[in-house]
All heavy atoms as atom14 arrays in JSON, in Angstrom:
{
  "sequence": "PPFSIETIVGDRSFGHIIHKRTKLRDKLRLQLKKEGIEEIFEITHPQ",
  "atom14_mask": [
    [1, 1, 1, 1, 1, 1, 1, 0, 0, 0, 0, 0, 0, 0],
    [1, 1, 1, 1, 1, 1, 1, 0, 0, 0, 0, 0, 0, 0],
    [1, 1, 1, 1, 1, 1, 1, 1, 1, 1, 1, 0, 0, 0],
    [1, 1, 1, 1, 1, 1, 0, 0, 0, 0, 0, 0, 0, 0],
    [1, 1, 1, 1, 1, 1, 1, 1, 0, 0, 0, 0, 0, 0],
    [1, 1, 1, 1, 1, 1, 1, 1, 1, 0, 0, 0, 0, 0],
    [1, 1, 1, 1, 1, 1, 1, 0, 0, 0, 0, 0, 0, 0],
    [1, 1, 1, 1, 1, 1, 1, 1, 0, 0, 0, 0, 0, 0],
    [1, 1, 1, 1, 1, 1, 1, 0, 0, 0, 0, 0, 0, 0],
    [1, 1, 1, 1, 0, 0, 0, 0, 0, 0, 0, 0, 0, 0],
    [1, 1, 1, 1, 1, 1, 1, 1, 0, 0, 0, 0, 0, 0],
    [1, 1, 1, 1, 1, 1, 1, 1, 1, 1, 1, 0, 0, 0],
    [1, 1, 1, 1, 1, 1, 0, 0, 0, 0, 0, 0, 0, 0],
    [1, 1, 1, 1, 1, 1, 1, 1, 1, 1, 1, 0, 0, 0],
    [1, 1, 1, 1, 0, 0, 0, 0, 0, 0, 0, 0, 0, 0],
    [1, 1, 1, 1, 1, 1, 1, 1, 1, 1, 0, 0, 0, 0],
    [1, 1, 1, 1, 1, 1, 1, 1, 0, 0, 0, 0, 0, 0],
    [1, 1, 1, 1, 1, 1, 1, 1, 0, 0, 0, 0, 0, 0],
    [1, 1, 1, 1, 1, 1, 1, 1, 1, 1, 0, 0, 0, 0],
    [1, 1, 1, 1, 1, 1, 1, 1, 1, 0, 0, 0, 0, 0],
    [1, 1, 1, 1, 1, 1, 1, 1, 1, 1, 1, 0, 0, 0],
    [1, 1, 1, 1, 1, 1, 1, 0, 0, 0, 0, 0, 0, 0],
    [1, 1, 1, 1, 1, 1, 1, 1, 1, 0, 0, 0, 0, 0],
    [1, 1, 1, 1, 1, 1, 1, 1, 0, 0, 0, 0, 0, 0],
    [1, 1, 1, 1, 1, 1, 1, 1, 1, 1, 1, 0, 0, 0],
    [1, 1, 1, 1, 1, 1, 1, 1, 0, 0, 0, 0, 0, 0],
    [1, 1, 1, 1, 1, 1, 1, 1, 1, 0, 0, 0, 0, 0],
    [1, 1, 1, 1, 1, 1, 1, 1, 0, 0, 0, 0, 0, 0],
    [1, 1, 1, 1, 1, 1, 1, 1, 1, 1, 1, 0, 0, 0],
    [1, 1, 1, 1, 1, 1, 1, 1, 0, 0, 0, 0, 0, 0],
    [1, 1, 1, 1, 1, 1, 1, 1, 1, 0, 0, 0, 0, 0],
    [1, 1, 1, 1, 1, 1, 1, 1, 0, 0, 0, 0, 0, 0],
    [1, 1, 1, 1, 1, 1, 1, 1, 1, 0, 0, 0, 0, 0],
    [1, 1, 1, 1, 1, 1, 1, 1, 1, 0, 0, 0, 0, 0],
    [1, 1, 1, 1, 1, 1, 1, 1, 1, 0, 0, 0, 0, 0],
    [1, 1, 1, 1, 0, 0, 0, 0, 0, 0, 0, 0, 0, 0],
    [1, 1, 1, 1, 1, 1, 1, 1, 0, 0, 0, 0, 0, 0],
    [1, 1, 1, 1, 1, 1, 1, 1, 1, 0, 0, 0, 0, 0],
    [1, 1, 1, 1, 1, 1, 1, 1, 1, 0, 0, 0, 0, 0],
    [1, 1, 1, 1, 1, 1, 1, 1, 0, 0, 0, 0, 0, 0],
    [1, 1, 1, 1, 1, 1, 1, 1, 1, 1, 1, 0, 0, 0],
    [1, 1, 1, 1, 1, 1, 1, 1, 1, 0, 0, 0, 0, 0],
    [1, 1, 1, 1, 1, 1, 1, 1, 0, 0, 0, 0, 0, 0],
    [1, 1, 1, 1, 1, 1, 1, 0, 0, 0, 0, 0, 0, 0],
    [1, 1, 1, 1, 1, 1, 1, 1, 1, 1, 0, 0, 0, 0],
    [1, 1, 1, 1, 1, 1, 1, 0, 0, 0, 0, 0, 0, 0],
    [1, 1, 1, 1, 1, 1, 1, 1, 1, 0, 0, 0, 0, 0]
  ],
  "atom14_positions": [
    [[-137.91, 23.03, -35.46], [-138.02, 21.79, -36.23], [-136.63, 21.24, -36.54], [-135.67, 22.0, -36.64], [-138.73, 22.24, -37.51], [-139.43, 23.52, -37.16], [-138.54, 24.18, -36.15], [0.0, 0.0, 0.0], [0.0, 0.0, 0.0], [0.0, 0.0, 0.0], [0.0, 0.0, 0.0], [0.0, 0.0, 0.0], [0.0, 0.0, 0.0], [0.0, 0.0, 0.0]],
    [[-136.52, 19.92, -36.71], [-135.22, 19.34, -37.1], [-134.83, 19.81, -38.5], [-135.66, 20.29, -39.28], [-135.48, 17.84, -37.06], [-136.95, 17.69, -37.22], [-137.56, 18.89, -36.57], [0.0, 0.0, 0.0], [0.0, 0.0, 0.0], [0.0, 0.0, 0.0], [0.0, 0.0, 0.0], [0.0, 0.0, 0.0], [0.0, 0.0, 0.0], [0.0, 0.0, 0.0]],
    [[-133.56, 19.61, -38.84], [-133.03, 20.09, -40.11], [-133.81, 19.52, -41.3], [-134.05, 20.21, -42.29], [-131.55, 19.72, -40.23], [-130.94, 20.11, -41.54], [-130.64, 21.44, -41.83], [-130.68, 19.14, -42.52], [-130.09, 21.8, -43.06], [-130.13, 19.5, -43.75], [-129.83, 20.83, -44.01], [0.0, 0.0, 0.0], [0.0, 0.0, 0.0], [0.0, 0.0, 0.0]],
    [[-134.22, 18.26, -41.2], [-134.94, 17.63, -42.32], [-136.24, 18.35, -42.64], [-136.66, 18.39, -43.8], [-135.23, 16.16, -41.98], [-135.97, 16.06, -40.76], [0.0, 0.0, 0.0], [0.0, 0.0, 0.0], [0.0, 0.0, 0.0], [0.0, 0.0, 0.0], [0.0, 0.0, 0.0], [0.0, 0.0, 0.0], [0.0, 0.0, 0.0], [0.0, 0.0, 0.0]],
    [[-136.86, 18.94, -41.64], [-138.1, 19.7, -41.86], [-137.77, 21.14, -42.25], [-138.46, 21.73, -43.08], [-139.0, 19.64, -40.6], [-139.49, 18.2, -40.41], [-140.17, 20.61, -40.71], [-140.32, 17.98, -39.16], [0.0, 0.0, 0.0], [0.0, 0.0, 0.0], [0.0, 0.0, 0.0], [0.0, 0.0, 0.0], [0.0, 0.0, 0.0], [0.0, 0.0, 0.0]],
    [[-136.71, 21.69, -41.68], [-136.29, 23.05, -42.05], [-135.99, 23.16, -43.55], [-136.22, 24.22, -44.15], [-135.05, 23.47, -41.25], [-135.38, 24.01, -39.87], [-134.2, 24.75, -39.27], [-133.08, 24.66, -39.83], [-134.38, 25.41, -38.23], [0.0, 0.0, 0.0], [0.0, 0.0, 0.0], [0.0, 0.0, 0.0], [0.0, 0.0, 0.0], [0.0, 0.0, 0.0]],
    [[-135.49, 22.09, -44.16], [-135.2, 22.15, -45.59], [-136.47, 22.34, -46.42], [-136.41, 22.8, -47.55], [-134.48, 20.87, -46.08], [-135.34, 19.74, -45.88], [-133.17, 20.67, -45.35], [0.0, 0.0, 0.0], [0.0, 0.0, 0.0], [0.0, 0.0, 0.0], [0.0, 0.0, 0.0], [0.0, 0.0, 0.0], [0.0, 0.0, 0.0], [0.0, 0.0, 0.0]],
    [[-137.62, 22.01, -45.83], [-138.9, 22.14, -46.53], [-139.57, 23.47, -46.23], [-140.09, 24.14, -47.14], [-139.85, 20.98, -46.15], [-139.24, 19.64, -46.58], [-141.24, 21.17, -46.76], [-139.99, 18.44, -46.06], [0.0, 0.0, 0.0], [0.0, 0.0, 0.0], [0.0, 0.0, 0.0], [0.0, 0.0, 0.0], [0.0, 0.0, 0.0], [0.0, 0.0, 0.0]],
    [[-139.54, 23.9, -44.95], [-140.31, 25.09, -44.56], [-139.44, 26.28, -44.2], [-139.95, 27.36, -43.85], [-141.26, 24.77, -43.38], [-142.25, 23.7, -43.77], [-140.47, 24.36, -42.13], [0.0, 0.0, 0.0], [0.0, 0.0, 0.0], [0.0, 0.0, 0.0], [0.0, 0.0, 0.0], [0.0, 0.0, 0.0], [0.0, 0.0, 0.0], [0.0, 0.0, 0.0]],
    [[-138.11, 26.12, -44.24], [-137.23, 27.23, -43.92], [-137.06, 27.43, -42.43], [-137.46, 26.6, -41.61], [0.0, 0.0, 0.0], [0.0, 0.0, 0.0], [0.0, 0.0, 0.0], [0.0, 0.0, 0.0], [0.0, 0.0, 0.0], [0.0, 0.0, 0.0], [0.0, 0.0, 0.0], [0.0, 0.0, 0.0], [0.0, 0.0, 0.0], [0.0, 0.0, 0.0]],
    [[-136.47, 28.55, -42.07], [-136.13, 28.85, -40.68], [-137.34, 29.44, -39.95], [-137.5, 30.65, -39.86], [-134.95, 29.84, -40.64], [-134.51, 30.14, -39.21], [-134.84, 29.35, -38.31], [-133.85, 31.19, -39.0], [0.0, 0.0, 0.0], [0.0, 0.0, 0.0], [0.0, 0.0, 0.0], [0.0, 0.0, 0.0], [0.0, 0.0, 0.0], [0.0, 0.0, 0.0]],
    [[-138.2, 28.57, -39.45], [-139.39, 29.02, -38.73], [-139.79, 27.96, -37.71], [-139.41, 26.8, -37.82], [-140.54, 29.31, -39.68], [-141.09, 28.11, -40.4], [-142.06, 28.5, -41.5], [-141.37, 29.18, -42.58], [-141.79, 30.3, -43.15], [-142.9, 30.87, -42.73], [-141.11, 30.86, -44.14], [0.0, 0.0, 0.0], [0.0, 0.0, 0.0], [0.0, 0.0, 0.0]],
    [[-140.57, 28.37, -36.74], [-141.05, 27.44, -35.72], [-142.2, 26.61, -36.29], [-142.76, 26.93, -37.34], [-141.52, 28.21, -34.49], [-142.65, 29.0, -34.83], [0.0, 0.0, 0.0], [0.0, 0.0, 0.0], [0.0, 0.0, 0.0], [0.0, 0.0, 0.0], [0.0, 0.0, 0.0], [0.0, 0.0, 0.0], [0.0, 0.0, 0.0], [0.0, 0.0, 0.0]],
    [[-142.59, 25.56, -35.56], [-143.73, 24.75, -36.0], [-144.99, 25.59, -36.12], [-145.77, 25.43, -37.06], [-143.97, 23.6, -35.01], [-143.03, 22.45, -35.17], [-142.02, 22.25, -34.24], [-143.15, 21.56, -36.22], [-141.14, 21.18, -34.37], [-142.27, 20.49, -36.36], [-141.27, 20.3, -35.43], [0.0, 0.0, 0.0], [0.0, 0.0, 0.0], [0.0, 0.0, 0.0]],
    [[-145.19, 26.49, -35.17], [-146.41, 27.29, -35.15], [-146.58, 28.19, -36.36], [-147.69, 28.58, -36.7], [0.0, 0.0, 0.0], [0.0, 0.0, 0.0], [0.0, 0.0, 0.0], [0.0, 0.0, 0.0], [0.0, 0.0, 0.0], [0.0, 0.0, 0.0], [0.0, 0.0, 0.0], [0.0, 0.0, 0.0], [0.0, 0.0, 0.0], [0.0, 0.0, 0.0]],
    [[-145.47, 28.52, -37.02], [-145.53, 29.43, -38.16], [-145.47, 28.71, -39.5], [-145.35, 29.34, -40.55], [-144.4, 30.47, -38.06], [-144.67, 31.52, -37.02], [-144.51, 31.27, -35.68], [-145.15, 32.78, -37.13], [-144.84, 32.36, -35.0], [-145.23, 33.28, -35.85], [0.0, 0.0, 0.0], [0.0, 0.0, 0.0], [0.0, 0.0, 0.0], [0.0, 0.0, 0.0]],
    [[-145.58, 27.38, -39.47], [-145.71, 26.62, -40.71], [-147.14, 26.78, -41.22], [-148.1, 26.76, -40.46], [-145.38, 25.13, -40.46], [-143.89, 24.98, -40.08], [-145.68, 24.29, -41.7], [-143.51, 23.58, -39.63], [0.0, 0.0, 0.0], [0.0, 0.0, 0.0], [0.0, 0.0, 0.0], [0.0, 0.0, 0.0], [0.0, 0.0, 0.0], [0.0, 0.0, 0.0]],
    [[-147.27, 26.93, -42.53], [-148.58, 27.18, -43.14], [-149.17, 25.88, -43.67], [-148.51, 25.14, -44.4], [-148.47, 28.2, -44.27], [-147.96, 29.54, -43.72], [-149.8, 28.41, -45.0], [-147.39, 30.46, -44.76], [0.0, 0.0, 0.0], [0.0, 0.0, 0.0], [0.0, 0.0, 0.0], [0.0, 0.0, 0.0], [0.0, 0.0, 0.0], [0.0, 0.0, 0.0]],
    [[-150.41, 25.62, -43.3], [-151.13, 24.45, -43.8], [-152.52, 24.89, -44.23], [-153.27, 25.47, -43.46], [-151.25, 23.39, -42.7], [-152.02, 22.17, -43.12], [-153.23, 21.84, -42.58], [-151.73, 21.21, -44.04], [-153.68, 20.73, -43.14], [-152.78, 20.32, -44.02], [0.0, 0.0, 0.0], [0.0, 0.0, 0.0], [0.0, 0.0, 0.0], [0.0, 0.0, 0.0]],
    [[-152.83, 24.65, -45.51], [-154.12, 25.05, -46.06], [-154.44, 26.51, -45.75], [-155.47, 26.84, -45.19], [-155.23, 24.13, -45.56], [-155.13, 22.71, -46.11], [-156.32, 21.87, -45.72], [-156.22, 20.5, -46.38], [-157.35, 19.62, -46.01], [0.0, 0.0, 0.0], [0.0, 0.0, 0.0], [0.0, 0.0, 0.0], [0.0, 0.0, 0.0], [0.0, 0.0, 0.0]],
    [[-153.47, 27.37, -46.09], [-153.61, 28.83, -46.04], [-153.52, 29.44, -44.65], [-153.61, 30.66, -44.5], [-154.94, 29.29, -46.68], [-155.18, 28.74, -48.07], [-156.48, 29.26, -48.65], [-156.74, 28.59, -49.91], [-157.47, 27.49, -50.02], [-158.02, 26.96, -48.96], [-157.66, 26.94, -51.19], [0.0, 0.0, 0.0], [0.0, 0.0, 0.0], [0.0, 0.0, 0.0]],
    [[-153.33, 28.64, -43.62], [-153.34, 29.18, -42.25], [-152.13, 28.66, -41.48], [-151.78, 27.48, -41.6], [-154.63, 28.77, -41.52], [-155.76, 29.12, -42.32], [-154.74, 29.48, -40.18], [0.0, 0.0, 0.0], [0.0, 0.0, 0.0], [0.0, 0.0, 0.0], [0.0, 0.0, 0.0], [0.0, 0.0, 0.0], [0.0, 0.0, 0.0], [0.0, 0.0, 0.0]],
    [[-151.51, 29.53, -40.68], [-150.43, 29.08, -39.8], [-150.99, 28.09, -38.78], [-152.12, 28.24, -38.31], [-149.8, 30.28, -39.08], [-149.0, 31.19, -39.99], [-148.42, 32.35, -39.21], [-147.62, 33.28, -40.14], [-147.09, 34.45, -39.42], [0.0, 0.0, 0.0], [0.0, 0.0, 0.0], [0.0, 0.0, 0.0], [0.0, 0.0, 0.0], [0.0, 0.0, 0.0]],
    [[-150.17, 27.1, -38.41], [-150.64, 26.08, -37.48], [-151.06, 26.7, -36.15], [-152.04, 26.26, -35.54], [-149.54, 25.03, -37.26], [-149.2, 24.18, -38.49], [-148.07, 23.21, -38.17], [-150.42, 23.41, -38.99], [0.0, 0.0, 0.0], [0.0, 0.0, 0.0], [0.0, 0.0, 0.0], [0.0, 0.0, 0.0], [0.0, 0.0, 0.0], [0.0, 0.0, 0.0]],
    [[-150.35, 27.71, -35.68], [-150.71, 28.36, -34.42], [-152.08, 29.0, -34.5], [-152.87, 28.96, -33.54], [-149.66, 29.4, -34.02], [-149.57, 30.59, -34.97], [-148.41, 31.53, -34.65], [-148.66, 32.35, -33.5], [-149.33, 33.5, -33.51], [-149.85, 33.95, -34.64], [-149.49, 34.19, -32.41], [0.0, 0.0, 0.0], [0.0, 0.0, 0.0], [0.0, 0.0, 0.0]],
    [[-152.38, 29.61, -35.64], [-153.66, 30.29, -35.8], [-154.81, 29.3, -35.92], [-155.92, 29.55, -35.44], [-153.63, 31.21, -37.01], [-152.61, 32.34, -36.85], [-152.34, 32.71, -35.68], [-152.09, 32.84, -37.85], [0.0, 0.0, 0.0], [0.0, 0.0, 0.0], [0.0, 0.0, 0.0], [0.0, 0.0, 0.0], [0.0, 0.0, 0.0], [0.0, 0.0, 0.0]],
    [[-154.53, 28.14, -36.53], [-155.56, 27.09, -36.6], [-155.95, 26.64, -35.2], [-157.13, 26.47, -34.88], [-155.03, 25.89, -37.39], [-155.07, 26.06, -38.88], [-154.86, 24.72, -39.57], [-155.18, 24.85, -41.04], [-155.22, 23.57, -41.72], [0.0, 0.0, 0.0], [0.0, 0.0, 0.0], [0.0, 0.0, 0.0], [0.0, 0.0, 0.0], [0.0, 0.0, 0.0]],
    [[-154.93, 26.42, -34.36], [-155.21, 25.95, -33.0], [-155.94, 27.02, -32.2], [-156.87, 26.73, -31.44], [-153.91, 25.55, -32.3], [-154.08, 24.95, -30.9], [-154.95, 23.69, -30.95], [-152.73, 24.62, -30.28], [0.0, 0.0, 0.0], [0.0, 0.0, 0.0], [0.0, 0.0, 0.0], [0.0, 0.0, 0.0], [0.0, 0.0, 0.0], [0.0, 0.0, 0.0]],
    [[-155.54, 28.27, -32.35], [-156.21, 29.36, -31.64], [-157.7, 29.43, -32.0], [-158.55, 29.63, -31.15], [-155.54, 30.7, -31.96], [-154.25, 30.95, -31.19], [-153.62, 32.27, -31.54], [-152.51, 32.58, -30.66], [-152.62, 33.24, -29.51], [-153.81, 33.64, -29.11], [-151.56, 33.48, -28.77], [0.0, 0.0, 0.0], [0.0, 0.0, 0.0], [0.0, 0.0, 0.0]],
    [[-158.01, 29.26, -33.28], [-159.41, 29.26, -33.72], [-160.18, 28.12, -33.07], [-161.32, 28.29, -32.62], [-159.48, 29.15, -35.24], [-159.12, 30.4, -36.04], [-159.06, 30.08, -37.53], [-160.15, 31.51, -35.79], [0.0, 0.0, 0.0], [0.0, 0.0, 0.0], [0.0, 0.0, 0.0], [0.0, 0.0, 0.0], [0.0, 0.0, 0.0], [0.0, 0.0, 0.0]],
    [[-159.54, 26.94, -33.01], [-160.19, 25.79, -32.39], [-160.44, 26.04, -30.9], [-161.52, 25.74, -30.38], [-159.3, 24.56, -32.57], [-159.84, 23.28, -31.96], [-161.03, 22.71, -32.7], [-161.21, 22.99, -33.88], [-161.85, 21.93, -32.01], [0.0, 0.0, 0.0], [0.0, 0.0, 0.0], [0.0, 0.0, 0.0], [0.0, 0.0, 0.0], [0.0, 0.0, 0.0]],
    [[-159.47, 26.63, -30.22], [-159.61, 26.9, -28.79], [-160.71, 27.93, -28.53], [-161.48, 27.8, -27.57], [-158.28, 27.4, -28.22], [-157.15, 26.37, -28.18], [-155.84, 27.05, -27.79], [-157.47, 25.23, -27.22], [0.0, 0.0, 0.0], [0.0, 0.0, 0.0], [0.0, 0.0, 0.0], [0.0, 0.0, 0.0], [0.0, 0.0, 0.0], [0.0, 0.0, 0.0]],
    [[-160.79, 28.93, -29.38], [-161.83, 29.95, -29.19], [-163.22, 29.35, -29.38], [-164.17, 29.73, -28.71], [-161.6, 31.1, -30.15], [-160.29, 31.82, -29.86], [-160.37, 33.31, -30.04], [-159.09, 33.92, -29.48], [-159.03, 35.35, -29.64], [0.0, 0.0, 0.0], [0.0, 0.0, 0.0], [0.0, 0.0, 0.0], [0.0, 0.0, 0.0], [0.0, 0.0, 0.0]],
    [[-163.33, 28.39, -30.31], [-164.61, 27.7, -30.49], [-165.01, 26.95, -29.22], [-166.19, 26.78, -28.93], [-164.51, 26.7, -31.65], [-164.53, 27.33, -33.02], [-164.43, 26.26, -34.1], [-164.31, 26.89, -35.48], [-164.11, 25.85, -36.53], [0.0, 0.0, 0.0], [0.0, 0.0, 0.0], [0.0, 0.0, 0.0], [0.0, 0.0, 0.0], [0.0, 0.0, 0.0]],
    [[-164.01, 26.49, -28.49], [-164.27, 25.75, -27.25], [-164.39, 26.68, -26.04], [-164.5, 26.21, -24.91], [-163.15, 24.73, -27.01], [-162.94, 23.73, -28.14], [-164.18, 22.89, -28.41], [-164.95, 22.66, -27.46], [-164.37, 22.49, -29.57], [0.0, 0.0, 0.0], [0.0, 0.0, 0.0], [0.0, 0.0, 0.0], [0.0, 0.0, 0.0], [0.0, 0.0, 0.0]],
    [[-164.32, 27.98, -26.28], [-164.5, 28.94, -25.19], [-163.26, 29.19, -24.36], [-163.34, 29.76, -23.27], [0.0, 0.0, 0.0], [0.0, 0.0, 0.0], [0.0, 0.0, 0.0], [0.0, 0.0, 0.0], [0.0, 0.0, 0.0], [0.0, 0.0, 0.0], [0.0, 0.0, 0.0], [0.0, 0.0, 0.0], [0.0, 0.0, 0.0], [0.0, 0.0, 0.0]],
    [[-162.08, 28.79, -24.87], [-160.82, 29.02, -24.14], [-160.2, 30.32, -24.63], [-159.76, 30.41, -25.79], [-159.86, 27.84, -24.32], [-160.47, 26.57, -23.72], [-158.5, 28.14, -23.68], [-159.63, 25.33, -23.92], [0.0, 0.0, 0.0], [0.0, 0.0, 0.0], [0.0, 0.0, 0.0], [0.0, 0.0, 0.0], [0.0, 0.0, 0.0], [0.0, 0.0, 0.0]],
    [[-160.18, 31.32, -23.78], [-159.7, 32.65, -24.15], [-158.29, 32.95, -23.62], [-157.56, 33.74, -24.19], [-160.66, 33.72, -23.64], [-162.08, 33.59, -24.19], [-162.17, 33.97, -25.66], [-161.27, 34.67, -26.15], [-163.16, 33.57, -26.32], [0.0, 0.0, 0.0], [0.0, 0.0, 0.0], [0.0, 0.0, 0.0], [0.0, 0.0, 0.0], [0.0, 0.0, 0.0]],
    [[-157.92, 32.3, -22.52], [-156.61, 32.56, -21.89], [-155.55, 31.7, -22.57], [-155.29, 30.57, -22.17], [-156.68, 32.27, -20.39], [-157.65, 33.15, -19.62], [-157.16, 34.6, -19.54], [-155.97, 34.85, -19.82], [-157.96, 35.46, -19.19], [0.0, 0.0, 0.0], [0.0, 0.0, 0.0], [0.0, 0.0, 0.0], [0.0, 0.0, 0.0], [0.0, 0.0, 0.0]],
    [[-154.95, 32.25, -23.63], [-153.94, 31.53, -24.4], [-152.61, 32.27, -24.29], [-152.52, 33.46, -24.61], [-154.34, 31.41, -25.88], [-155.73, 30.75, -26.0], [-153.31, 30.62, -26.67], [-156.33, 30.82, -27.39], [0.0, 0.0, 0.0], [0.0, 0.0, 0.0], [0.0, 0.0, 0.0], [0.0, 0.0, 0.0], [0.0, 0.0, 0.0], [0.0, 0.0, 0.0]],
    [[-151.59, 31.58, -23.81], [-150.27, 32.17, -23.62], [-149.3, 31.49, -24.58], [-149.27, 30.26, -24.67], [-149.8, 31.98, -22.18], [-150.74, 32.54, -21.15], [-151.83, 31.79, -20.72], [-150.56, 33.81, -20.64], [-152.72, 32.29, -19.77], [-151.44, 34.33, -19.69], [-152.53, 33.56, -19.26], [0.0, 0.0, 0.0], [0.0, 0.0, 0.0], [0.0, 0.0, 0.0]],
    [[-148.51, 32.28, -25.28], [-147.6, 31.71, -26.27], [-146.15, 31.87, -25.82], [-145.72, 32.96, -25.43], [-147.81, 32.39, -27.63], [-147.04, 31.73, -28.74], [-147.5, 32.18, -30.13], [-148.63, 32.69, -30.25], [-146.73, 32.0, -31.09], [0.0, 0.0, 0.0], [0.0, 0.0, 0.0], [0.0, 0.0, 0.0], [0.0, 0.0, 0.0], [0.0, 0.0, 0.0]],
    [[-145.41, 30.77, -25.89], [-143.99, 30.75, -25.53], [-143.18, 30.59, -26.81], [-143.39, 29.66, -27.58], [-143.69, 29.58, -24.57], [-144.37, 29.81, -23.23], [-142.19, 29.41, -24.39], [-144.27, 28.63, -22.29], [0.0, 0.0, 0.0], [0.0, 0.0, 0.0], [0.0, 0.0, 0.0], [0.0, 0.0, 0.0], [0.0, 0.0, 0.0], [0.0, 0.0, 0.0]],
    [[-142.26, 31.51, -27.04], [-141.43, 31.45, -28.24], [-139.95, 31.19, -27.91], [-139.15, 31.0, -28.83], [-141.54, 32.75, -29.05], [-141.17, 33.86, -28.22], [-142.98, 32.95, -29.53], [0.0, 0.0, 0.0], [0.0, 0.0, 0.0], [0.0, 0.0, 0.0], [0.0, 0.0, 0.0], [0.0, 0.0, 0.0], [0.0, 0.0, 0.0], [0.0, 0.0, 0.0]],
    [[-139.61, 31.19, -26.62], [-138.23, 30.92, -26.19], [-138.28, 30.19, -24.86], [-139.09, 30.52, -24.0], [-137.45, 32.23, -26.05], [-135.98, 32.02, -25.9], [-135.4, 31.72, -24.67], [-134.96, 32.04, -26.79], [-134.1, 31.57, -24.83], [-133.8, 31.77, -26.11], [0.0, 0.0, 0.0], [0.0, 0.0, 0.0], [0.0, 0.0, 0.0], [0.0, 0.0, 0.0]],
    [[-137.43, 29.17, -24.65], [-137.48, 28.37, -23.43], [-137.45, 29.18, -22.13], [-138.09, 28.81, -21.14], [-136.24, 27.46, -23.54], [-136.04, 27.3, -25.0], [-136.42, 28.64, -25.61], [0.0, 0.0, 0.0], [0.0, 0.0, 0.0], [0.0, 0.0, 0.0], [0.0, 0.0, 0.0], [0.0, 0.0, 0.0], [0.0, 0.0, 0.0], [0.0, 0.0, 0.0]],
    [[-136.7, 30.29, -22.1], [-136.61, 31.06, -20.85], [-137.95, 31.66, -20.44], [-138.17, 31.97, -19.26], [-135.57, 32.17, -20.99], [-135.98, 33.32, -21.9], [-134.88, 34.36, -22.05], [-133.71, 34.02, -21.99], [-135.26, 35.59, -22.27], [0.0, 0.0, 0.0], [0.0, 0.0, 0.0], [0.0, 0.0, 0.0], [0.0, 0.0, 0.0], [0.0, 0.0, 0.0]]
  ]
}
C-alpha cells in the first residue's frame, strides 16, 4: 500500500488489512470457495 494508507494500517499488504473482523484475503477466499473455486494460489513477492 502507499504511504498514506500505511499510516492507517501499518506495515502490511492489502490482503492482511482487516475489515469487519476478517482479513481481506480471507474474505475473498471464502467468496471463491462458495463459487466452487478451490485452486487458489497466493503471491506475496513479485519474483
